[in-house]
Amino acid sequence: MLTIPAARTKARTELRLGLPAVALEILKSVPRRADREYPFGSGGGEYSRWSYVKQALDKRLADAGHHLKPWTLHDLRRTSRTRLAMLGVPPHVARRF
């Protein structure tokens, strides 16, 4: 179980995620900088600078010869929500994503 404190969620309510054991192990294994509690992102707090990270990802993909149609980070959310619906996940659960 992964618990995200209320102070770090949009709705300001504690979020408990029942992640598979393998996902929790991956999160535990991600190296952390000495000055950071969180495994991902930059700066001193929660993950931020999404647009800069996406630009860097786009550049790395282009430099490696991968040419993708333009996409946004919100596209990932929409795709995930659509796929959750296809899997039969109830709308009130999928909305939390």
PDB file of N, CA and C in Angstrom:
ATOM      1  N   MET A   1       0.856  -1.177   0.000  1.00  0.00           N
ATOM      2  CA  MET A   1       0.000   0.000   0.000  1.00  0.00           C
ATOM      3  C   MET A   1       0.900   1.237   0.000  1.00  0.00           C
ATOM      4  N   LEU A   2       0.632   2.143  -0.907  1.00  0.00           N
ATOM      5  CA  LEU A   2       1.344   3.419  -0.968  1.00  0.00           C
ATOM      6  C   LEU A   2       0.380   4.490  -0.497  1.00  0.00           C
ATOM      7  N   THR A   3       0.789   5.290   0.481  1.00  0.00           N
ATOM      8  CA  THR A   3      -0.055   6.352   1.009  1.00  0.00           C
ATOM      9  C   THR A   3       0.540   7.697   0.634  1.00  0.00           C
ATOM     10  N   ILE A   4      -0.278   8.534   0.012  1.00  0.00           N
ATOM     11  CA  ILE A   4       0.132   9.884  -0.337  1.00  0.00           C
ATOM     12  C   ILE A   4      -0.586  10.822   0.616  1.00  0.00           C
ATOM     13  N   PRO A   5       0.179  11.636   1.373  1.00  0.00           N
ATOM     14  CA  PRO A   5      -0.443  12.514   2.371  1.00  0.00           C
ATOM     15  C   PRO A   5      -1.388  13.531   1.737  1.00  0.00           C
ATOM     16  N   ALA A   6      -2.371  13.958   2.493  1.00  0.00           N
ATOM     17  CA  ALA A   6      -3.366  14.922   2.017  1.00  0.00           C
ATOM     18  C   ALA A   6      -2.712  16.200   1.504  1.00  0.00           C
ATOM     19  N   ALA A   7      -1.628  16.618   2.112  1.00  0.00           N
ATOM     20  CA  ALA A   7      -0.960  17.859   1.709  1.00  0.00           C
ATOM     21  C   ALA A   7      -0.399  17.777   0.290  1.00  0.00           C
ATOM     22  N   ARG A   8      -0.235  16.569  -0.244  1.00  0.00           N
ATOM     23  CA  ARG A   8       0.346  16.409  -1.575  1.00  0.00           C
ATOM     24  C   ARG A   8      -0.673  16.048  -2.647  1.00  0.00           C
ATOM     25  N   THR A   9      -1.955  16.022  -2.319  1.00  0.00           N
ATOM     26  CA  THR A   9      -2.967  15.666  -3.323  1.00  0.00           C
ATOM     27  C   THR A   9      -3.805  16.881  -3.687  1.00  0.00           C
ATOM     28  N   LYS A  10      -4.325  16.881  -4.890  1.00  0.00           N
ATOM     29  CA  LYS A  10      -5.143  17.992  -5.389  1.00  0.00           C
ATOM     30  C   LYS A  10      -6.386  18.199  -4.536  1.00  0.00           C
ATOM     31  N   ALA A  11      -7.029  17.112  -4.130  1.00  0.00           N
ATOM     32  CA  ALA A  11      -8.259  17.201  -3.339  1.00  0.00           C
ATOM     33  C   ALA A  11      -7.986  17.399  -1.849  1.00  0.00           C
ATOM     34  N   ARG A  12      -6.719  17.423  -1.479  1.00  0.00           N
ATOM     35  CA  ARG A  12      -6.308  17.586  -0.071  1.00  0.00           C
ATOM     36  C   ARG A  12      -6.885  16.505   0.837  1.00  0.00           C
ATOM     37  N   THR A  13      -6.968  15.292   0.293  1.00  0.00           N
ATOM     38  CA  THR A  13      -7.370  14.139   1.091  1.00  0.00           C
ATOM     39  C   THR A  13      -6.309  13.055   0.908  1.00  0.00           C
ATOM     40  N   GLU A  14      -6.074  12.305   1.956  1.00  0.00           N
ATOM     41  CA  GLU A  14      -5.088  11.229   1.880  1.00  0.00           C
ATOM     42  C   GLU A  14      -5.483  10.240   0.786  1.00  0.00           C
ATOM     43  N   LEU A  15      -4.514   9.798   0.031  1.00  0.00           N
ATOM     44  CA  LEU A  15      -4.758   8.852  -1.045  1.00  0.00           C
ATOM     45  C   LEU A  15      -3.980   7.581  -0.759  1.00  0.00           C
ATOM     46  N   ARG A  16      -4.694   6.464  -0.709  1.00  0.00           N
ATOM     47  CA  ARG A  16      -4.054   5.167  -0.467  1.00  0.00           C
ATOM     48  C   ARG A  16      -4.171   4.342  -1.738  1.00  0.00           C
ATOM     49  N   LEU A  17      -3.029   3.973  -2.286  1.00  0.00           N
ATOM     50  CA  LEU A  17      -2.986   3.218  -3.534  1.00  0.00           C
ATOM     51  C   LEU A  17      -2.559   1.785  -3.254  1.00  0.00           C
ATOM     52  N   GLY A  18      -3.388   0.862  -3.649  1.00  0.00           N
ATOM     53  CA  GLY A  18      -3.057  -0.547  -3.506  1.00  0.00           C
ATOM     54  C   GLY A  18      -2.216  -0.999  -4.696  1.00  0.00           C
ATOM     55  N   LEU A  19      -0.948  -0.650  -4.675  1.00  0.00           N
ATOM     56  CA  LEU A  19      -0.069  -1.007  -5.781  1.00  0.00           C
ATOM     57  C   LEU A  19       0.381  -2.458  -5.668  1.00  0.00           C
ATOM     58  N   PRO A  20       0.635  -3.097  -6.805  1.00  0.00           N
ATOM     59  CA  PRO A  20       1.183  -4.452  -6.761  1.00  0.00           C
ATOM     60  C   PRO A  20       2.569  -4.432  -6.098  1.00  0.00           C
ATOM     61  N   ALA A  21       2.920  -5.547  -5.508  1.00  0.00           N
ATOM     62  CA  ALA A  21       4.202  -5.641  -4.806  1.00  0.00           C
ATOM     63  C   ALA A  21       5.365  -5.264  -5.708  1.00  0.00           C
ATOM     64  N   VAL A  22       5.320  -5.669  -6.977  1.00  0.00           N
ATOM     65  CA  VAL A  22       6.424  -5.352  -7.885  1.00  0.00           C
ATOM     66  C   VAL A  22       6.541  -3.841  -8.084  1.00  0.00           C
ATOM     67  N   ALA A  23       5.422  -3.117  -8.145  1.00  0.00           N
ATOM     68  CA  ALA A  23       5.466  -1.657  -8.298  1.00  0.00           C
ATOM     69  C   ALA A  23       6.079  -1.003  -7.058  1.00  0.00           C
ATOM     70  N   LEU A  24       5.706  -1.481  -5.890  1.00  0.00           N
ATOM     71  CA  LEU A  24       6.290  -0.940  -4.653  1.00  0.00           C
ATOM     72  C   LEU A  24       7.786  -1.209  -4.592  1.00  0.00           C
ATOM     73  N   GLU A  25       8.204  -2.383  -5.023  1.00  0.00           N
ATOM     74  CA  GLU A  25       9.634  -2.702  -5.039  1.00  0.00           C
ATOM     75  C   GLU A  25      10.395  -1.789  -5.986  1.00  0.00           C
ATOM     76  N   ILE A  26       9.800  -1.501  -7.143  1.00  0.00           N
ATOM     77  CA  ILE A  26      10.447  -0.589  -8.093  1.00  0.00           C
ATOM     78  C   ILE A  26      10.594   0.789  -7.462  1.00  0.00           C
ATOM     79  N   LEU A  27       9.529   1.292  -6.829  1.00  0.00           N
ATOM     80  CA  LEU A  27       9.614   2.601  -6.184  1.00  0.00           C
ATOM     81  C   LEU A  27      10.674   2.632  -5.094  1.00  0.00           C
ATOM     82  N   LYS A  28      10.772   1.558  -4.331  1.00  0.00           N
ATOM     83  CA  LYS A  28      11.774   1.499  -3.264  1.00  0.00           C
ATOM     84  C   LYS A  28      13.192   1.452  -3.822  1.00  0.00           C
ATOM     85  N   SER A  29      13.348   0.898  -5.020  1.00  0.00           N
ATOM     86  CA  SER A  29      14.688   0.717  -5.585  1.00  0.00           C
ATOM     87  C   SER A  29      15.207   1.939  -6.335  1.00  0.00           C
ATOM     88  N   VAL A  30      14.332   2.899  -6.632  1.00  0.00           N
ATOM     89  CA  VAL A  30      14.768   4.081  -7.378  1.00  0.00           C
ATOM     90  C   VAL A  30      15.725   4.896  -6.503  1.00  0.00           C
ATOM     91  N   PRO A  31      16.928   5.182  -7.020  1.00  0.00           N
ATOM     92  CA  PRO A  31      17.879   5.977  -6.228  1.00  0.00           C
ATOM     93  C   PRO A  31      17.321   7.364  -5.913  1.00  0.00           C
ATOM     94  N   ARG A  32      17.616   7.841  -4.731  1.00  0.00           N
ATOM     95  CA  ARG A  32      17.182   9.176  -4.321  1.00  0.00           C
ATOM     96  C   ARG A  32      18.395  10.040  -4.039  1.00  0.00           C
ATOM     97  N   ARG A  33      18.252  11.318  -4.362  1.00  0.00           N
ATOM     98  CA  ARG A  33      19.309  12.261  -3.990  1.00  0.00           C
ATOM     99  C   ARG A  33      19.262  12.428  -2.479  1.00  0.00           C
ATOM    100  N   ALA A  34      20.387  12.720  -1.900  1.00  0.00           N
ATOM    101  CA  ALA A  34      20.474  12.833  -0.442  1.00  0.00           C
ATOM    102  C   ALA A  34      19.545  13.906   0.112  1.00  0.00           C
ATOM    103  N   ASP A  35      19.271  14.956  -0.668  1.00  0.00           N
ATOM    104  CA  ASP A  35      18.463  16.063  -0.166  1.00  0.00           C
ATOM    105  C   ASP A  35      16.985  15.938  -0.511  1.00  0.00           C
ATOM    106  N   ARG A  36      16.558  14.769  -1.014  1.00  0.00           N
ATOM    107  CA  ARG A  36      15.167  14.618  -1.453  1.00  0.00           C
ATOM    108  C   ARG A  36      14.500  13.403  -0.835  1.00  0.00           C
ATOM    109  N   GLU A  37      13.277  13.587  -0.419  1.00  0.00           N
ATOM    110  CA  GLU A  37      12.482  12.474   0.089  1.00  0.00           C
ATOM    111  C   GLU A  37      11.869  11.667  -1.050  1.00  0.00           C
ATOM    112  N   TYR A  38      11.545  12.370  -2.160  1.00  0.00           N
ATOM    113  CA  TYR A  38      10.802  11.759  -3.247  1.00  0.00           C
ATOM    114  C   TYR A  38      11.737  11.182  -4.311  1.00  0.00           C
ATOM    115  N   PRO A  39      11.345  10.100  -4.965  1.00  0.00           N
ATOM    116  CA  PRO A  39      12.243   9.456  -5.925  1.00  0.00           C
ATOM    117  C   PRO A  39      12.329  10.144  -7.280  1.00  0.00           C
ATOM    118  N   PHE A  40      11.351  10.975  -7.647  1.00  0.00           N
ATOM    119  CA  PHE A  40      11.328  11.582  -8.970  1.00  0.00           C
ATOM    120  C   PHE A  40      11.272  13.093  -8.880  1.00  0.00           C
ATOM    121  N   GLY A  41      11.652  13.744  -9.954  1.00  0.00           N
ATOM    122  CA  GLY A  41      11.506  15.182 -10.062  1.00  0.00           C
ATOM    123  C   GLY A  41      12.766  15.946  -9.720  1.00  0.00           C
ATOM    124  N   SER A  42      12.603  17.258  -9.669  1.00  0.00           N
ATOM    125  CA  SER A  42      13.727  18.126  -9.372  1.00  0.00           C
ATOM    126  C   SER A  42      13.276  19.150  -8.350  1.00  0.00           C
ATOM    127  N   GLY A  43      14.204  19.829  -7.759  1.00  0.00           N
ATOM    128  CA  GLY A  43      13.861  20.802  -6.733  1.00  0.00           C
ATOM    129  C   GLY A  43      13.755  20.129  -5.379  1.00  0.00           C
ATOM    130  N   GLY A  44      13.259  20.866  -4.400  1.00  0.00           N
ATOM    131  CA  GLY A  44      13.248  20.353  -3.044  1.00  0.00           C
ATOM    132  C   GLY A  44      11.950  19.709  -2.608  1.00  0.00           C
ATOM    133  N   GLY A  45      10.910  19.792  -3.417  1.00  0.00           N
ATOM    134  CA  GLY A  45       9.618  19.274  -2.993  1.00  0.00           C
ATOM    135  C   GLY A  45       9.125  18.198  -3.919  1.00  0.00           C
ATOM    136  N   GLU A  46       7.817  18.210  -4.107  1.00  0.00           N
ATOM    137  CA  GLU A  46       7.215  17.214  -4.978  1.00  0.00           C
ATOM    138  C   GLU A  46       7.642  17.459  -6.422  1.00  0.00           C
ATOM    139  N   TYR A  47       7.240  16.561  -7.273  1.00  0.00           N
ATOM    140  CA  TYR A  47       7.626  16.646  -8.675  1.00  0.00           C
ATOM    141  C   TYR A  47       7.075  17.921  -9.289  1.00  0.00           C
ATOM    142  N   SER A  48       7.932  18.615 -10.022  1.00  0.00           N
ATOM    143  CA  SER A  48       7.532  19.847 -10.689  1.00  0.00           C
ATOM    144  C   SER A  48       8.276  19.947 -12.021  1.00  0.00           C
ATOM    145  N   ARG A  49       8.051  21.008 -12.732  1.00  0.00           N
ATOM    146  CA  ARG A  49       8.738  21.277 -13.992  1.00  0.00           C
ATOM    147  C   ARG A  49       8.388  20.257 -15.064  1.00  0.00           C
ATOM    148  N   TRP A  50       7.136  19.824 -15.099  1.00  0.00           N
ATOM    149  CA  TRP A  50       6.702  18.811 -16.051  1.00  0.00           C
ATOM    150  C   TRP A  50       7.010  19.203 -17.489  1.00  0.00           C
ATOM    151  N   SER A  51       6.751  20.466 -17.853  1.00  0.00           N
ATOM    152  CA  SER A  51       6.943  20.866 -19.248  1.00  0.00           C
ATOM    153  C   SER A  51       8.400  20.790 -19.664  1.00  0.00           C
ATOM    154  N   TYR A  52       9.310  21.119 -18.758  1.00  0.00           N
ATOM    155  CA  TYR A  52      10.735  21.044 -19.084  1.00  0.00           C
ATOM    156  C   TYR A  52      11.187  19.593 -19.262  1.00  0.00           C
ATOM    157  N   VAL A  53      10.673  18.742 -18.412  1.00  0.00           N
ATOM    158  CA  VAL A  53      11.031  17.322 -18.506  1.00  0.00           C
ATOM    159  C   VAL A  53      10.477  16.736 -19.803  1.00  0.00           C
ATOM    160  N   LYS A  54       9.270  17.128 -20.182  1.00  0.00           N
ATOM    161  CA  LYS A  54       8.697  16.634 -21.434  1.00  0.00           C
ATOM    162  C   LYS A  54       9.510  17.122 -22.626  1.00  0.00           C
ATOM    163  N   GLN A  55       9.947  18.381 -22.600  1.00  0.00           N
ATOM    164  CA  GLN A  55      10.779  18.899 -23.682  1.00  0.00           C
ATOM    165  C   GLN A  55      12.079  18.101 -23.792  1.00  0.00           C
ATOM    166  N   ALA A  56      12.670  17.781 -22.663  1.00  0.00           N
ATOM    167  CA  ALA A  56      13.911  17.001 -22.670  1.00  0.00           C
ATOM    168  C   ALA A  56      13.652  15.590 -23.214  1.00  0.00           C
ATOM    169  N   LEU A  57      12.519  14.994 -22.847  1.00  0.00           N
ATOM    170  CA  LEU A  57      12.161  13.672 -23.360  1.00  0.00           C
ATOM    171  C   LEU A  57      11.964  13.721 -24.876  1.00  0.00           C
ATOM    172  N   ASP A  58      11.241  14.733 -25.350  1.00  0.00           N
ATOM    173  CA  ASP A  58      11.034  14.886 -26.790  1.00  0.00           C
ATOM    174  C   ASP A  58      12.369  14.999 -27.520  1.00  0.00           C
ATOM    175  N   LYS A  59      13.298  15.765 -26.958  1.00  0.00           N
ATOM    176  CA  LYS A  59      14.606  15.935 -27.592  1.00  0.00           C
ATOM    177  C   LYS A  59      15.381  14.621 -27.619  1.00  0.00           C
ATOM    178  N   ARG A  60      15.357  13.901 -26.509  1.00  0.00           N
ATOM    179  CA  ARG A  60      16.065  12.613 -26.468  1.00  0.00           C
ATOM    180  C   ARG A  60      15.494  11.633 -27.486  1.00  0.00           C
ATOM    181  N   LEU A  61      14.178  11.598 -27.615  1.00  0.00           N
ATOM    182  CA  LEU A  61      13.553  10.718 -28.594  1.00  0.00           C
ATOM    183  C   LEU A  61      13.937  11.117 -30.014  1.00  0.00           C
ATOM    184  N   ALA A  62      13.896  12.420 -30.300  1.00  0.00           N
ATOM    185  CA  ALA A  62      14.255  12.906 -31.635  1.00  0.00           C
ATOM    186  C   ALA A  62      15.725  12.607 -31.936  1.00  0.00           C
ATOM    187  N   ASP A  63      16.591  12.840 -30.945  1.00  0.00           N
ATOM    188  CA  ASP A  63      18.029  12.575 -31.137  1.00  0.00           C
ATOM    189  C   ASP A  63      18.299  11.101 -31.392  1.00  0.00           C
ATOM    190  N   ALA A  64      17.433  10.239 -30.848  1.00  0.00           N
ATOM    191  CA  ALA A  64      17.592   8.792 -31.038  1.00  0.00           C
ATOM    192  C   ALA A  64      16.905   8.314 -32.313  1.00  0.00           C
ATOM    193  N   GLY A  65      16.323   9.256 -33.066  1.00  0.00           N
ATOM    194  CA  GLY A  65      15.692   8.888 -34.328  1.00  0.00           C
ATOM    195  C   GLY A  65      14.246   8.474 -34.233  1.00  0.00           C
ATOM    196  N   HIS A  66      13.618   8.713 -33.080  1.00  0.00           N
ATOM    197  CA  HIS A  66      12.199   8.385 -32.909  1.00  0.00           C
ATOM    198  C   HIS A  66      11.381   9.636 -33.190  1.00  0.00           C
ATOM    199  N   HIS A  67      10.519   9.570 -34.155  1.00  0.00           N
ATOM    200  CA  HIS A  67       9.713  10.738 -34.523  1.00  0.00           C
ATOM    201  C   HIS A  67       8.257  10.444 -34.190  1.00  0.00           C
ATOM    202  N   LEU A  68       7.766  11.115 -33.146  1.00  0.00           N
ATOM    203  CA  LEU A  68       6.398  10.922 -32.691  1.00  0.00           C
ATOM    204  C   LEU A  68       5.536  12.093 -33.126  1.00  0.00           C
ATOM    205  N   LYS A  69       4.239  11.822 -33.267  1.00  0.00           N
ATOM    206  CA  LYS A  69       3.298  12.909 -33.481  1.00  0.00           C
ATOM    207  C   LYS A  69       3.313  13.771 -32.218  1.00  0.00           C
ATOM    208  N   PRO A  70       3.051  15.071 -32.357  1.00  0.00           N
ATOM    209  CA  PRO A  70       3.015  15.931 -31.161  1.00  0.00           C
ATOM    210  C   PRO A  70       2.015  15.404 -30.125  1.00  0.00           C
ATOM    211  N   TRP A  71       2.387  15.475 -28.847  1.00  0.00           N
ATOM    212  CA  TRP A  71       1.525  15.014 -27.770  1.00  0.00           C
ATOM    213  C   TRP A  71       1.759  15.889 -26.551  1.00  0.00           C
ATOM    214  N   THR A  72       0.799  15.852 -25.628  1.00  0.00           N
ATOM    215  CA  THR A  72       0.902  16.611 -24.389  1.00  0.00           C
ATOM    216  C   THR A  72       0.828  15.650 -23.213  1.00  0.00           C
ATOM    217  N   LEU A  73       1.216  16.133 -22.061  1.00  0.00           N
ATOM    218  CA  LEU A  73       1.124  15.298 -20.862  1.00  0.00           C
ATOM    219  C   LEU A  73      -0.333  14.948 -20.562  1.00  0.00           C
ATOM    220  N   HIS A  74      -1.252  15.857 -20.880  1.00  0.00           N
ATOM    221  CA  HIS A  74      -2.667  15.575 -20.636  1.00  0.00           C
ATOM    222  C   HIS A  74      -3.156  14.424 -21.517  1.00  0.00           C
ATOM    223  N   ASP A  75      -2.515  14.221 -22.672  1.00  0.00           N
ATOM    224  CA  ASP A  75      -2.869  13.081 -23.521  1.00  0.00           C
ATOM    225  C   ASP A  75      -2.677  11.766 -22.767  1.00  0.00           C
ATOM    226  N   LEU A  76      -1.657  11.702 -21.918  1.00  0.00           N
ATOM    227  CA  LEU A  76      -1.418  10.480 -21.137  1.00  0.00           C
ATOM    228  C   LEU A  76      -2.581  10.216 -20.185  1.00  0.00           C
ATOM    229  N   ARG A  77      -3.082  11.287 -19.569  1.00  0.00           N
ATOM    230  CA  ARG A  77      -4.211  11.134 -18.662  1.00  0.00           C
ATOM    231  C   ARG A  77      -5.446  10.661 -19.413  1.00  0.00           C
ATOM    232  N   ARG A  78      -5.729  11.286 -20.557  1.00  0.00           N
ATOM    233  CA  ARG A  78      -6.911  10.897 -21.337  1.00  0.00           C
ATOM    234  C   ARG A  78      -6.809   9.447 -21.806  1.00  0.00           C
ATOM    235  N   THR A  79      -5.630   9.062 -22.277  1.00  0.00           N
ATOM    236  CA  THR A  79      -5.442   7.688 -22.746  1.00  0.00           C
ATOM    237  C   THR A  79      -5.625   6.705 -21.598  1.00  0.00           C
ATOM    238  N   SER A  80      -5.042   7.033 -20.447  1.00  0.00           N
ATOM    239  CA  SER A  80      -5.182   6.150 -19.285  1.00  0.00           C
ATOM    240  C   SER A  80      -6.634   6.020 -18.873  1.00  0.00           C
ATOM    241  N   ARG A  81      -7.349   7.130 -18.856  1.00  0.00           N
ATOM    242  CA  ARG A  81      -8.763   7.101 -18.469  1.00  0.00           C
ATOM    243  C   ARG A  81      -9.574   6.251 -19.442  1.00  0.00           C
ATOM    244  N   THR A  82      -9.292   6.391 -20.742  1.00  0.00           N
ATOM    245  CA  THR A  82      -9.989   5.595 -21.753  1.00  0.00           C
ATOM    246  C   THR A  82      -9.705   4.115 -21.558  1.00  0.00           C
ATOM    247  N   ARG A  83      -8.442   3.784 -21.334  1.00  0.00           N
ATOM    248  CA  ARG A  83      -8.069   2.371 -21.171  1.00  0.00           C
ATOM    249  C   ARG A  83      -8.654   1.783 -19.889  1.00  0.00           C
ATOM    250  N   LEU A  84      -8.711   2.579 -18.833  1.00  0.00           N
ATOM    251  CA  LEU A  84      -9.330   2.089 -17.600  1.00  0.00           C
ATOM    252  C   LEU A  84     -10.803   1.760 -17.835  1.00  0.00           C
ATOM    253  N   ALA A  85     -11.492   2.618 -18.593  1.00  0.00           N
ATOM    254  CA  ALA A  85     -12.894   2.357 -18.916  1.00  0.00           C
ATOM    255  C   ALA A  85     -13.025   1.066 -19.722  1.00  0.00           C
ATOM    256  N   MET A  86     -12.104   0.857 -20.677  1.00  0.00           N
ATOM    257  CA  MET A  86     -12.141  -0.360 -21.495  1.00  0.00           C
ATOM    258  C   MET A  86     -11.928  -1.611 -20.640  1.00  0.00           C
ATOM    259  N   LEU A  87     -11.190  -1.459 -19.542  1.00  0.00           N
ATOM    260  CA  LEU A  87     -10.947  -2.584 -18.635  1.00  0.00           C
ATOM    261  C   LEU A  87     -12.099  -2.807 -17.661  1.00  0.00           C
ATOM    262  N   GLY A  88     -13.077  -1.898 -17.702  1.00  0.00           N
ATOM    263  CA  GLY A  88     -14.230  -2.046 -16.817  1.00  0.00           C
ATOM    264  C   GLY A  88     -14.068  -1.392 -15.466  1.00  0.00           C
ATOM    265  N   VAL A  89     -13.079  -0.531 -15.319  1.00  0.00           N
ATOM    266  CA  VAL A  89     -12.897   0.177 -14.050  1.00  0.00           C
ATOM    267  C   VAL A  89     -14.054   1.164 -13.887  1.00  0.00           C
ATOM    268  N   PRO A  90     -14.724   1.147 -12.750  1.00  0.00           N
ATOM    269  CA  PRO A  90     -15.865   2.039 -12.550  1.00  0.00           C
ATOM    270  C   PRO A  90     -15.436   3.522 -12.706  1.00  0.00           C
ATOM    271  N   PRO A  91     -16.313   4.346 -13.283  1.00  0.00           N
ATOM    272  CA  PRO A  91     -15.969   5.762 -13.513  1.00  0.00           C
ATOM    273  C   PRO A  91     -15.517   6.514 -12.271  1.00  0.00           C
ATOM    274  N   HIS A  92     -16.146   6.228 -11.116  1.00  0.00           N
ATOM    275  CA  HIS A  92     -15.754   6.953  -9.905  1.00  0.00           C
ATOM    276  C   HIS A  92     -14.346   6.590  -9.462  1.00  0.00           C
ATOM    277  N   VAL A  93     -13.868   5.412  -9.849  1.00  0.00           N
ATOM    278  CA  VAL A  93     -12.488   5.021  -9.531  1.00  0.00           C
ATOM    279  C   VAL A  93     -11.545   5.620 -10.574  1.00  0.00           C
ATOM    280  N   ALA A  94     -11.892   5.494 -11.848  1.00  0.00           N
ATOM    281  CA  ALA A  94     -11.042   6.006 -12.931  1.00  0.00           C
ATOM    282  C   ALA A  94     -10.860   7.510 -12.820  1.00  0.00           C
ATOM    283  N   ARG A  95     -11.857   8.217 -12.322  1.00  0.00           N
ATOM    284  CA  ARG A  95     -11.788   9.674 -12.176  1.00  0.00           C
ATOM    285  C   ARG A  95     -10.667  10.088 -11.238  1.00  0.00           C
ATOM    286  N   ARG A  96     -10.287   9.229 -10.335  1.00  0.00           N
ATOM    287  CA  ARG A  96      -9.250   9.558  -9.344  1.00  0.00           C
ATOM    288  C   ARG A  96      -7.880   9.662  -9.987  1.00  0.00           C
ATOM    289  N   PHE A  97      -7.761   9.135 -11.209  1.00  0.00           N
ATOM    290  CA  PHE A  97      -6.463   9.129 -11.866  1.00  0.00           C
ATOM    291  C   PHE A  97      -6.136  10.479 -12.420  1.00  0.00           C
TER     292      PHE A  97
END
